[in-house]
Amino acid sequence: MDTLALRIEVLKLTAHPARIAILEELFKGVKCVTDIQDFMDISQSNISQHLSALRHAGIIDFFVDGRLRCYYLKDPFIPDLLMIIKKEYPNEIPGPECCPITKKGKYPGNRKH
């Protein structure tokens, strides 16, 4: 699978508020399941399901520390994705100065009739 297709799959997988919250916390550093439970208002089994899906996709991984599984980010695309999601955009992109349909304004290219 090419890079674009892989990133599209990552976008699909991460498009869930709980998964974004988990990824934001992992962006701050390694977290164990109990750490994640402290800031999320969902069950431990639900957290584990989200972690499993993210791990299966190769976005995160874990290491074992005694009885704890400690998770961390693995995919370098995730920090950029999180920054884009949080970015504020004060203005919309301006519309064109003309309309090819109504032919109002000055169209910069060649019109096909």
Protein backbone atom coordinates (compact mmCIF):
# COMPACT_ATOMS: atom_id res chain seq x y z
CA MET A 1 0.00 0.00 0.00
CA ASP A 2 1.37 3.45 -0.85
CA THR A 3 1.95 6.22 1.67
CA LEU A 4 -1.20 8.15 0.78
CA ALA A 5 -3.40 5.06 1.15
CA LEU A 6 -1.78 4.27 4.52
CA ARG A 7 -2.39 7.81 5.76
CA ILE A 8 -6.01 7.65 4.65
CA GLU A 9 -6.40 4.46 6.70
CA VAL A 10 -4.80 6.20 9.70
CA LEU A 11 -7.26 9.09 9.31
CA LYS A 12 -10.19 6.68 9.23
CA LEU A 13 -8.96 4.83 12.31
CA THR A 14 -8.18 7.92 14.35
CA ALA A 15 -11.46 9.71 13.54
CA HIS A 16 -12.94 8.97 16.95
CA PRO A 17 -12.88 11.35 19.94
CA ALA A 18 -11.58 8.69 22.34
CA ARG A 19 -8.75 7.70 20.01
CA ILE A 20 -7.76 11.32 19.45
CA ALA A 21 -7.72 11.85 23.24
CA ILE A 22 -5.55 8.76 23.70
CA LEU A 23 -3.15 9.88 20.96
CA GLU A 24 -2.92 13.37 22.47
CA GLU A 25 -1.92 11.88 25.80
CA LEU A 26 0.61 9.54 24.19
CA PHE A 27 2.05 12.53 22.32
CA LYS A 28 2.91 13.94 25.78
CA GLY A 29 4.73 10.71 26.69
CA VAL A 30 4.42 7.06 27.63
CA LYS A 31 1.16 6.15 29.38
CA CYS A 32 -0.06 2.95 31.00
CA VAL A 33 -3.71 1.93 30.79
CA THR A 34 -4.34 3.18 34.33
CA ASP A 35 -2.92 6.60 33.35
CA ILE A 36 -5.31 6.73 30.40
CA GLN A 37 -8.24 5.72 32.62
CA ASP A 38 -7.49 8.69 34.88
CA PHE A 39 -8.33 11.24 32.18
CA MET A 40 -10.99 9.38 30.17
CA ASP A 41 -14.58 8.80 31.17
CA ILE A 42 -14.89 5.39 29.49
CA SER A 43 -14.46 1.84 30.75
CA GLN A 44 -11.11 0.08 30.91
CA SER A 45 -12.35 -2.50 28.40
CA ASN A 46 -13.33 0.27 25.97
CA ILE A 47 -9.90 1.90 26.38
CA SER A 48 -8.28 -1.48 25.71
CA GLN A 49 -10.31 -1.88 22.52
CA HIS A 50 -9.16 1.52 21.26
CA LEU A 51 -5.54 0.77 22.21
CA SER A 52 -5.74 -2.59 20.46
CA ALA A 53 -7.05 -1.03 17.24
CA LEU A 54 -4.36 1.66 17.29
CA ARG A 55 -1.66 -0.92 17.99
CA HIS A 56 -2.92 -3.30 15.29
CA ALA A 57 -2.61 -0.43 12.78
CA GLY A 58 0.99 0.24 13.88
CA ILE A 59 0.18 3.71 15.22
CA ILE A 60 1.19 2.88 18.79
CA ASP A 61 3.04 0.10 20.57
CA PHE A 62 3.70 -0.93 24.15
CA PHE A 63 6.30 -2.40 26.45
CA VAL A 64 5.72 -4.37 29.64
CA ASP A 65 6.89 -2.89 32.94
CA GLY A 66 6.12 -5.46 35.63
CA ARG A 67 2.36 -5.95 35.43
CA LEU A 68 1.77 -2.79 33.39
CA ARG A 69 1.52 -2.29 29.66
CA CYS A 70 2.96 1.10 28.85
CA TYR A 71 1.93 2.57 25.49
CA TYR A 72 3.75 5.04 23.27
CA LEU A 73 3.38 6.63 19.83
CA LYS A 74 5.09 4.82 17.00
CA ASP A 75 3.79 6.47 13.79
CA PRO A 76 5.61 9.76 13.04
CA PHE A 77 2.55 11.06 11.15
CA ILE A 78 0.48 11.33 14.36
CA PRO A 79 2.13 14.43 15.92
CA ASP A 80 1.58 16.34 12.66
CA LEU A 81 -2.01 15.12 12.47
CA LEU A 82 -2.70 16.24 16.04
CA MET A 83 -1.21 19.68 15.38
CA ILE A 84 -3.38 20.15 12.27
CA ILE A 85 -6.52 19.10 14.16
CA LYS A 86 -5.80 21.68 16.89
CA LYS A 87 -4.82 24.50 14.52
CA GLU A 88 -7.14 27.52 14.44
CA TYR A 89 -8.05 28.92 11.03
CA PRO A 90 -9.37 32.47 11.40
CA ASN A 91 -10.69 32.90 7.86
CA GLU A 92 -12.18 30.86 5.09
CA ILE A 93 -10.39 30.58 1.77
CA PRO A 94 -11.68 33.45 -0.39
CA GLY A 95 -13.91 32.51 -3.28
CA PRO A 96 -13.00 33.17 -6.90
CA GLU A 97 -13.43 36.65 -8.34
CA CYS A 98 -15.61 35.26 -11.09
CA CYS A 99 -18.00 32.44 -11.71
CA PRO A 100 -17.53 30.19 -14.75
CA ILE A 101 -21.26 29.40 -14.68
CA THR A 102 -22.73 32.92 -14.56
CA LYS A 103 -19.78 34.41 -16.44
CA LYS A 104 -19.71 37.35 -14.01
CA GLY A 105 -16.31 38.69 -13.20
CA LYS A 106 -13.03 38.14 -15.04
CA TYR A 107 -12.16 34.48 -15.53
CA PRO A 108 -8.35 34.03 -15.66
CA GLY A 109 -8.38 31.05 -18.04
CA ASN A 110 -9.93 30.14 -21.37
CA ARG A 111 -13.65 29.54 -21.20
CA LYS A 112 -15.08 26.61 -23.05
CA HIS A 113 -18.54 27.32 -24.43
